[in-house]
C-alpha atoms as a PDB file:
ATOM      1  CA  MET A   1     -25.067 138.583-119.294  1.00  0.00           C
ATOM      2  CA  SER A   2     -28.226 140.554-120.040  1.00  0.00           C
ATOM      3  CA  THR A   3     -27.627 143.776-122.043  1.00  0.00           C
ATOM      4  CA  ASN A   4     -30.304 146.383-122.628  1.00  0.00           C
ATOM      5  CA  VAL A   5     -29.990 149.658-124.547  1.00  0.00           C
ATOM      6  CA  ARG A   6     -32.784 152.181-124.377  1.00  0.00           C
ATOM      7  CA  CYS A   7     -33.479 155.823-125.018  1.00  0.00           C
ATOM      8  CA  VAL A   8     -35.447 157.825-122.444  1.00  0.00           C
ATOM      9  CA  GLY A   9     -36.299 161.369-121.443  1.00  0.00           C
ATOM     10  CA  PHE A  10     -35.593 162.819-118.003  1.00  0.00           C
ATOM     11  CA  ASP A  11     -39.052 162.071-116.632  1.00  0.00           C
ATOM     12  CA  GLU A  12     -38.617 158.404-117.565  1.00  0.00           C
ATOM     13  CA  LEU A  13     -35.475 158.037-115.439  1.00  0.00           C
ATOM     14  CA  ALA A  14     -36.141 156.198-112.186  1.00  0.00           C
ATOM     15  CA  PRO A  15     -34.348 157.932-109.285  1.00  0.00           C
ATOM     16  CA  ARG A  16     -31.711 155.217-108.865  1.00  0.00           C
ATOM     17  CA  LEU A  17     -31.004 155.154-112.605  1.00  0.00           C
ATOM     18  CA  ALA A  18     -30.686 158.959-112.696  1.00  0.00           C
ATOM     19  CA  TYR A  19     -28.244 158.740-109.790  1.00  0.00           C
ATOM     20  CA  ALA A  20     -26.224 156.052-111.629  1.00  0.00           C
ATOM     21  CA  LEU A  21     -26.186 158.184-114.788  1.00  0.00           C
ATOM     22  CA  TRP A  22     -24.757 161.252-113.078  1.00  0.00           C
ATOM     23  CA  ARG A  23     -22.401 159.169-110.959  1.00  0.00           C
ATOM     24  CA  LEU A  24     -20.958 157.469-114.065  1.00  0.00           C
ATOM     25  CA  ARG A  25     -20.441 160.785-115.847  1.00  0.00           C
ATOM     26  CA  GLN A  26     -18.770 162.213-112.739  1.00  0.00           C
ATOM     27  CA  GLN A  27     -16.597 159.124-112.256  1.00  0.00           C
ATOM     28  CA  VAL A  28     -15.216 159.286-115.793  1.00  0.00           C
ATOM     29  CA  PHE A  29     -15.176 162.949-116.778  1.00  0.00           C
ATOM     30  CA  VAL A  30     -14.469 164.654-113.461  1.00  0.00           C
ATOM     31  CA  VAL A  31     -12.460 162.056-111.530  1.00  0.00           C
ATOM     32  CA  GLU A  32     -10.743 159.845-114.148  1.00  0.00           C
ATOM     33  CA  GLN A  33     -10.116 162.579-116.733  1.00  0.00           C
ATOM     34  CA  GLN A  34      -9.545 165.228-114.047  1.00  0.00           C
ATOM     35  CA  SER A  35     -11.859 167.624-115.840  1.00  0.00           C
ATOM     36  CA  PRO A  36     -14.070 169.491-113.388  1.00  0.00           C
ATOM     37  CA  TYR A  37     -16.963 170.938-115.347  1.00  0.00           C
ATOM     38  CA  PRO A  38     -20.623 171.800-114.665  1.00  0.00           C
ATOM     39  CA  ASP A  39     -22.194 168.467-115.640  1.00  0.00           C
ATOM     40  CA  LEU A  40     -25.593 169.468-114.274  1.00  0.00           C
ATOM     41  CA  ASP A  41     -26.038 172.222-116.859  1.00  0.00           C
ATOM     42  CA  GLY A  42     -29.838 172.103-117.058  1.00  0.00           C
ATOM     43  CA  ARG A  43     -29.943 170.415-120.466  1.00  0.00           C
ATOM     44  CA  ASP A  44     -30.805 167.003-118.999  1.00  0.00           C
ATOM     45  CA  LEU A  45     -34.152 168.509-117.997  1.00  0.00           C
ATOM     46  CA  GLU A  46     -35.159 169.770-121.459  1.00  0.00           C
ATOM     47  CA  ASP A  47     -38.265 168.073-122.858  1.00  0.00           C
ATOM     48  CA  THR A  48     -36.442 167.133-126.078  1.00  0.00           C
ATOM     49  CA  THR A  49     -33.296 165.712-124.419  1.00  0.00           C
ATOM     50  CA  ARG A  50     -32.925 161.945-124.661  1.00  0.00           C
ATOM     51  CA  HIS A  51     -30.547 159.707-122.703  1.00  0.00           C
ATOM     52  CA  VAL A  52     -29.252 156.573-124.377  1.00  0.00           C
ATOM     53  CA  LEU A  53     -28.550 154.102-121.585  1.00  0.00           C
ATOM     54  CA  LEU A  54     -26.692 150.809-121.703  1.00  0.00           C
ATOM     55  CA  VAL A  55     -27.549 148.519-118.805  1.00  0.00           C
ATOM     56  CA  GLU A  56     -25.978 145.122-118.155  1.00  0.00           C
ATOM     57  CA  ASP A  57     -27.378 142.914-115.416  1.00  0.00           C
ATOM     58  CA  GLU A  58     -29.159 145.907-113.864  1.00  0.00           C
ATOM     59  CA  GLU A  59     -25.980 148.053-113.786  1.00  0.00           C
ATOM     60  CA  LEU A  60     -25.538 151.174-115.924  1.00  0.00           C
ATOM     61  CA  VAL A  61     -22.329 150.637-117.912  1.00  0.00           C
ATOM     62  CA  GLY A  62     -22.648 153.356-120.555  1.00  0.00           C
ATOM     63  CA  CYS A  63     -24.644 156.369-121.600  1.00  0.00           C
ATOM     64  CA  LEU A  64     -24.785 159.361-123.869  1.00  0.00           C
ATOM     65  CA  ARG A  65     -26.988 162.418-124.194  1.00  0.00           C
ATOM     66  CA  LEU A  66     -28.917 163.532-127.284  1.00  0.00           C
ATOM     67  CA  LEU A  67     -29.835 167.210-127.435  1.00  0.00           C
ATOM     68  CA  ASP A  68     -32.072 169.108-129.806  1.00  0.00           C
ATOM     69  CA  ASP A  69     -30.152 172.210-130.889  1.00  0.00           C
ATOM     70  CA  GLY A  70     -32.810 173.429-133.289  1.00  0.00           C
ATOM     71  CA  GLU A  71     -31.603 172.763-136.816  1.00  0.00           C
ATOM     72  CA  TRP A  72     -29.473 169.795-135.720  1.00  0.00           C
ATOM     73  CA  ALA A  73     -29.123 167.162-133.023  1.00  0.00           C
ATOM     74  CA  ARG A  74     -26.120 167.139-130.694  1.00  0.00           C
ATOM     75  CA  ILE A  75     -24.492 164.082-129.137  1.00  0.00           C
ATOM     76  CA  GLY A  76     -22.596 164.542-125.910  1.00  0.00           C
ATOM     77  CA  ARG A  77     -21.559 163.008-122.617  1.00  0.00           C
ATOM     78  CA  VAL A  78     -20.603 159.716-124.314  1.00  0.00           C
ATOM     79  CA  VAL A  79     -19.219 157.474-121.577  1.00  0.00           C
ATOM     80  CA  VAL A  80     -18.545 153.801-120.869  1.00  0.00           C
ATOM     81  CA  ALA A  81     -17.661 152.582-117.385  1.00  0.00           C
ATOM     82  CA  PRO A  82     -13.982 151.654-116.973  1.00  0.00           C
ATOM     83  CA  THR A  83     -14.932 148.053-116.143  1.00  0.00           C
ATOM     84  CA  ALA A  84     -16.922 147.711-119.381  1.00  0.00           C
ATOM     85  CA  ARG A  85     -14.461 149.157-121.904  1.00  0.00           C
ATOM     86  CA  ARG A  86     -12.868 147.479-124.926  1.00  0.00           C
ATOM     87  CA  ARG A  87     -15.987 145.454-125.675  1.00  0.00           C
ATOM     88  CA  GLY A  88     -17.505 147.673-128.363  1.00  0.00           C
ATOM     89  CA  LEU A  89     -20.091 149.219-126.049  1.00  0.00           C
ATOM     90  CA  ALA A  90     -19.420 152.789-127.207  1.00  0.00           C
ATOM     91  CA  GLY A  91     -20.410 151.524-130.642  1.00  0.00           C
ATOM     92  CA  VAL A  92     -23.640 150.098-129.239  1.00  0.00           C
ATOM     93  CA  LEU A  93     -24.457 153.515-127.757  1.00  0.00           C
ATOM     94  CA  MET A  94     -23.605 155.330-130.988  1.00  0.00           C
ATOM     95  CA  ASP A  95     -25.577 152.884-133.119  1.00  0.00           C
ATOM     96  CA  ARG A  96     -28.668 153.651-131.048  1.00  0.00           C
ATOM     97  CA  ALA A  97     -27.984 157.397-131.044  1.00  0.00           C
ATOM     98  CA  MET A  98     -27.614 157.474-134.820  1.00  0.00           C
ATOM     99  CA  ALA A  99     -30.842 155.507-135.213  1.00  0.00           C
ATOM    100  CA  GLU A 100     -32.603 158.019-132.964  1.00  0.00           C
ATOM    101  CA  CYS A 101     -31.250 160.927-135.043  1.00  0.00           C
ATOM    102  CA  GLY A 102     -32.332 159.375-138.337  1.00  0.00           C
ATOM    103  CA  ASP A 103     -31.371 161.489-141.322  1.00  0.00           C
ATOM    104  CA  ARG A 104     -31.012 164.689-139.298  1.00  0.00           C
ATOM    105  CA  GLU A 105     -27.764 166.665-139.164  1.00  0.00           C
ATOM    106  CA  VAL A 106     -25.789 165.740-136.034  1.00  0.00           C
ATOM    107  CA  ARG A 107     -22.965 167.612-134.319  1.00  0.00           C
ATOM    108  CA  LEU A 108     -20.632 166.718-131.483  1.00  0.00           C
ATOM    109  CA  ASP A 109     -17.405 167.811-129.862  1.00  0.00           C
ATOM    110  CA  ALA A 110     -15.094 164.797-129.910  1.00  0.00           C
ATOM    111  CA  GLN A 111     -12.148 164.243-127.657  1.00  0.00           C
ATOM    112  CA  THR A 112      -9.275 164.554-130.123  1.00  0.00           C
ATOM    113  CA  GLY A 113      -8.156 160.939-129.752  1.00  0.00           C
ATOM    114  CA  LEU A 114     -11.617 159.683-130.713  1.00  0.00           C
ATOM    115  CA  THR A 115     -12.040 161.412-134.081  1.00  0.00           C
ATOM    116  CA  GLY A 116     -11.397 158.137-135.935  1.00  0.00           C
ATOM    117  CA  PHE A 117     -14.190 156.440-133.995  1.00  0.00           C
ATOM    118  CA  TYR A 118     -16.668 159.170-134.923  1.00  0.00           C
ATOM    119  CA  ARG A 119     -15.493 159.249-138.557  1.00  0.00           C
ATOM    120  CA  GLY A 120     -16.765 155.685-138.713  1.00  0.00           C
ATOM    121  CA  TYR A 121     -20.255 157.156-138.220  1.00  0.00           C
ATOM    122  CA  GLY A 122     -19.860 159.691-141.014  1.00  0.00           C
ATOM    123  CA  PHE A 123     -18.660 162.640-138.915  1.00  0.00           C
ATOM    124  CA  GLU A 124     -16.115 165.109-140.268  1.00  0.00           C
ATOM    125  CA  VAL A 125     -13.964 167.583-138.358  1.00  0.00           C
ATOM    126  CA  THR A 126     -15.365 171.087-138.904  1.00  0.00           C
ATOM    127  CA  GLY A 127     -12.985 173.322-136.994  1.00  0.00           C
ATOM    128  CA  PRO A 128      -9.771 173.637-135.035  1.00  0.00           C
ATOM    129  CA  GLU A 129      -8.901 171.708-131.914  1.00  0.00           C
ATOM    130  CA  PHE A 130      -9.882 173.413-128.653  1.00  0.00           C
ATOM    131  CA  ASP A 131      -9.422 172.874-124.934  1.00  0.00           C
ATOM    132  CA  GLU A 132     -12.630 172.061-123.076  1.00  0.00           C
ATOM    133  CA  ASP A 133     -12.035 171.865-119.338  1.00  0.00           C
ATOM    134  CA  GLY A 134      -8.486 170.569-119.777  1.00  0.00           C
ATOM    135  CA  VAL A 135      -9.292 167.974-122.471  1.00  0.00           C
ATOM    136  CA  MET A 136      -8.582 168.646-126.141  1.00  0.00           C
ATOM    137  CA  HIS A 137     -11.607 168.358-128.474  1.00  0.00           C
ATOM    138  CA  VAL A 138     -12.527 169.014-132.091  1.00  0.00           C
ATOM    139  CA  PRO A 139     -15.958 169.973-133.445  1.00  0.00           C
ATOM    140  CA  MET A 140     -17.441 167.357-135.771  1.00  0.00           C
ATOM    141  CA  ARG A 141     -20.541 167.164-137.940  1.00  0.00           C
ATOM    142  CA  ARG A 142     -22.474 164.525-139.841  1.00  0.00           C
ATOM    143  CA  ALA A 143     -24.541 166.089-142.575  1.00  0.00           C
ATOM    144  CA  GLY A 144     -28.203 165.311-142.610  1.00  0.00           C
ATOM    145  CA  SER A 145     -30.066 164.162-145.678  1.00  0.00           C
ATOM    146  CA  ARG A 146     -33.257 166.061-144.897  1.00  0.00           C
ATOM    147  CA  PRO A 147     -33.816 169.795-144.558  1.00  0.00           C
ATOM    148  CA  PRO A 148     -34.371 171.169-141.043  1.00  0.00           C
ATOM    149  CA  ALA A 149     -37.980 171.309-139.876  1.00  0.00           C
END
């Protein structure tokens, strides 16, 4: 099995890969988790947004989105296809995302059941649990070791 992880901007997404990206996010977040939300929020198009993509044998099996929120980076839309779960692929995505972020402060909103996973990357809960589109989340932050630019 050939596995490839890469980080690209919107303009680097081939049309079929972009389609697969949005289809995977819809399949998991909207259909599986029954959480209708505005996935196409415009942030995918931002020049500084990066998509970490995990492709196996030419099929997209996982992805996440890196946003530039000014003084910090934000990780979101972390998803692994149902057929590819329980193989450590979310860790592969996060390893690449953390490498991309370097020593910058990083924030994310974790589904409550995944806080332990994100703690393994140095994230700490920074606020109370909240409902986001029917799924409980907590805000988390990993402190950066360099001052903001």
